[in-house]
Each structure stands twice: as C-alpha cells, then as structure tokens.
Amino acid sequence: MLETGGQYLIVADKLADAFLAATGLEAVKGALIPGEKLVGLKYAHCLAPHLPVHRRFPRQVISTDFVDMSTGTGIVHIAPG
C-alpha cells in the first residue's frame, strides 16, 4: 500500500517502485497486504470524481488469474458489457 497526500493506493509491492517512477508521485510505502485479503472489499474508483453521479458507486475486489506482475500496478479493472 502506498500513502500519498492523505490517499492510499493499492499497488503490487513488486511493481511499486516502477509505478512511482512512471507516475512521478511521491509516496510512503505502508503495510503489505496479501491480495487474498483484498477479495470482497469495496473501493472507490480513482476516476469517480469525474464520472456522472449515477456511476459513482463502490466497486468490489474479485480474484482472477490473468493479472500480469510484469507491468502496471498488479491490479486490473474490468468492466462488464
């Protein structure tokens, strides 16, 4: 978990340094949370403030086997339909 400006970002520990370098964010590394502990939790989409009001609802973490730990954040957003 990364803390930046009072916000918390969930990023795979193996990818955190590359993520910070790519985004230019300054953050403090916090707790290490196993991915299976996140399953079922609800979260606010990072773009929620820019979405229409009817689309600003909590999302839920699910488990899947296609997350690639070689790039990105280690978390994948999927959208039905």
C-alpha atoms as a PDB file:
ATOM      1  CA  MET A   1       0.000   0.000   0.000  1.00  0.00           C
ATOM      2  CA  LEU A   2       1.240   3.496  -0.805  1.00  0.00           C
ATOM      3  CA  GLU A   3       0.206   6.668   1.022  1.00  0.00           C
ATOM      4  CA  THR A   4       0.319   9.885  -0.943  1.00  0.00           C
ATOM      5  CA  GLY A   5      -1.291  13.148   0.084  1.00  0.00           C
ATOM      6  CA  GLY A   6      -3.711  11.512   2.510  1.00  0.00           C
ATOM      7  CA  GLN A   7      -4.831   8.965  -0.110  1.00  0.00           C
ATOM      8  CA  TYR A   8      -3.999   5.278  -0.141  1.00  0.00           C
ATOM      9  CA  LEU A   9      -3.141   3.393  -3.316  1.00  0.00           C
ATOM     10  CA  ILE A  10      -3.045  -0.381  -3.599  1.00  0.00           C
ATOM     11  CA  VAL A  11      -0.132  -1.378  -5.827  1.00  0.00           C
ATOM     12  CA  ALA A  12       1.696  -4.708  -6.040  1.00  0.00           C
ATOM     13  CA  ASP A  13       4.834  -4.464  -3.904  1.00  0.00           C
ATOM     14  CA  LYS A  14       6.984  -5.814  -6.773  1.00  0.00           C
ATOM     15  CA  LEU A  15       5.726  -3.021  -9.043  1.00  0.00           C
ATOM     16  CA  ALA A  16       5.566  -0.087  -6.605  1.00  0.00           C
ATOM     17  CA  ASP A  17       8.924   1.486  -7.491  1.00  0.00           C
ATOM     18  CA  ALA A  18       8.249   1.309 -11.248  1.00  0.00           C
ATOM     19  CA  PHE A  19       4.729   2.702 -10.695  1.00  0.00           C
ATOM     20  CA  LEU A  20       6.081   5.653  -8.691  1.00  0.00           C
ATOM     21  CA  ALA A  21       8.791   6.341 -11.278  1.00  0.00           C
ATOM     22  CA  ALA A  22       6.267   6.238 -14.133  1.00  0.00           C
ATOM     23  CA  THR A  23       3.728   8.497 -12.413  1.00  0.00           C
ATOM     24  CA  GLY A  24       6.100  10.900 -10.690  1.00  0.00           C
ATOM     25  CA  LEU A  25       4.134  10.503  -7.458  1.00  0.00           C
ATOM     26  CA  GLU A  26       5.842  10.791  -4.115  1.00  0.00           C
ATOM     27  CA  ALA A  27       4.542   8.230  -1.660  1.00  0.00           C
ATOM     28  CA  VAL A  28       5.387   6.429   1.533  1.00  0.00           C
ATOM     29  CA  LYS A  29       5.269   2.649   1.410  1.00  0.00           C
ATOM     30  CA  GLY A  30       2.917   1.302   4.038  1.00  0.00           C
ATOM     31  CA  ALA A  31       1.514  -2.051   5.039  1.00  0.00           C
ATOM     32  CA  LEU A  32       1.974  -5.139   2.903  1.00  0.00           C
ATOM     33  CA  ILE A  33      -1.433  -6.708   2.320  1.00  0.00           C
ATOM     34  CA  PRO A  34      -1.736 -10.135   0.670  1.00  0.00           C
ATOM     35  CA  GLY A  35      -4.004  -9.979  -2.390  1.00  0.00           C
ATOM     36  CA  GLU A  36      -6.380 -12.593  -0.992  1.00  0.00           C
ATOM     37  CA  LYS A  37      -7.126 -10.226   1.914  1.00  0.00           C
ATOM     38  CA  LEU A  38      -8.472  -7.661  -0.591  1.00  0.00           C
ATOM     39  CA  VAL A  39     -11.042 -10.004  -2.183  1.00  0.00           C
ATOM     40  CA  GLY A  40     -14.567  -8.890  -1.332  1.00  0.00           C
ATOM     41  CA  LEU A  41     -13.569  -5.397  -0.194  1.00  0.00           C
ATOM     42  CA  LYS A  42     -15.220  -2.374  -1.755  1.00  0.00           C
ATOM     43  CA  TYR A  43     -13.295   0.614  -3.072  1.00  0.00           C
ATOM     44  CA  ALA A  44     -13.845   3.988  -4.700  1.00  0.00           C
ATOM     45  CA  HIS A  45     -12.812   4.110  -8.358  1.00  0.00           C
ATOM     46  CA  CYS A  46      -9.925   6.551  -8.819  1.00  0.00           C
ATOM     47  CA  LEU A  47     -11.882   8.389 -11.532  1.00  0.00           C
ATOM     48  CA  ALA A  48     -15.122   8.566  -9.508  1.00  0.00           C
ATOM     49  CA  PRO A  49     -14.994  12.376  -9.146  1.00  0.00           C
ATOM     50  CA  HIS A  50     -15.022  12.624 -12.954  1.00  0.00           C
ATOM     51  CA  LEU A  51     -17.870  10.164 -13.530  1.00  0.00           C
ATOM     52  CA  PRO A  52     -21.568  11.018 -13.815  1.00  0.00           C
ATOM     53  CA  VAL A  53     -23.260  10.820 -10.408  1.00  0.00           C
ATOM     54  CA  HIS A  54     -25.144   7.626 -11.298  1.00  0.00           C
ATOM     55  CA  ARG A  55     -21.787   5.873 -11.985  1.00  0.00           C
ATOM     56  CA  ARG A  56     -20.148   6.839  -8.655  1.00  0.00           C
ATOM     57  CA  PHE A  57     -20.809   3.643  -6.754  1.00  0.00           C
ATOM     58  CA  PRO A  58     -18.364   1.432  -4.832  1.00  0.00           C
ATOM     59  CA  ARG A  59     -16.601  -1.293  -6.810  1.00  0.00           C
ATOM     60  CA  GLN A  60     -15.755  -4.695  -5.344  1.00  0.00           C
ATOM     61  CA  VAL A  61     -12.452  -6.576  -5.493  1.00  0.00           C
ATOM     62  CA  ILE A  62     -12.642 -10.029  -7.085  1.00  0.00           C
ATOM     63  CA  SER A  63      -9.936 -12.606  -7.689  1.00  0.00           C
ATOM     64  CA  THR A  64      -8.755 -13.647 -11.143  1.00  0.00           C
ATOM     65  CA  ASP A  65      -5.778 -15.406 -12.677  1.00  0.00           C
ATOM     66  CA  PHE A  66      -4.891 -13.025 -15.526  1.00  0.00           C
ATOM     67  CA  VAL A  67      -3.204 -10.208 -13.579  1.00  0.00           C
ATOM     68  CA  ASP A  68       0.289  -9.721 -15.001  1.00  0.00           C
ATOM     69  CA  MET A  69       3.000  -8.918 -12.475  1.00  0.00           C
ATOM     70  CA  SER A  70       5.468  -7.741 -15.139  1.00  0.00           C
ATOM     71  CA  THR A  71       3.928  -4.292 -15.745  1.00  0.00           C
ATOM     72  CA  GLY A  72       1.371  -1.884 -14.348  1.00  0.00           C
ATOM     73  CA  THR A  73       0.146  -1.940 -10.760  1.00  0.00           C
ATOM     74  CA  GLY A  74      -0.745  -5.597 -10.221  1.00  0.00           C
ATOM     75  CA  ILE A  75      -4.433  -4.692 -10.165  1.00  0.00           C
ATOM     76  CA  VAL A  76      -6.713  -4.873 -13.197  1.00  0.00           C
ATOM     77  CA  HIS A  77     -10.025  -3.047 -13.626  1.00  0.00           C
ATOM     78  CA  ILE A  78     -12.573  -4.987 -15.623  1.00  0.00           C
ATOM     79  CA  ALA A  79     -15.932  -3.693 -16.747  1.00  0.00           C
ATOM     80  CA  PRO A  80     -18.851  -5.861 -17.831  1.00  0.00           C
ATOM     81  CA  GLY A  81     -20.603  -5.295 -21.137  1.00  0.00           C
END
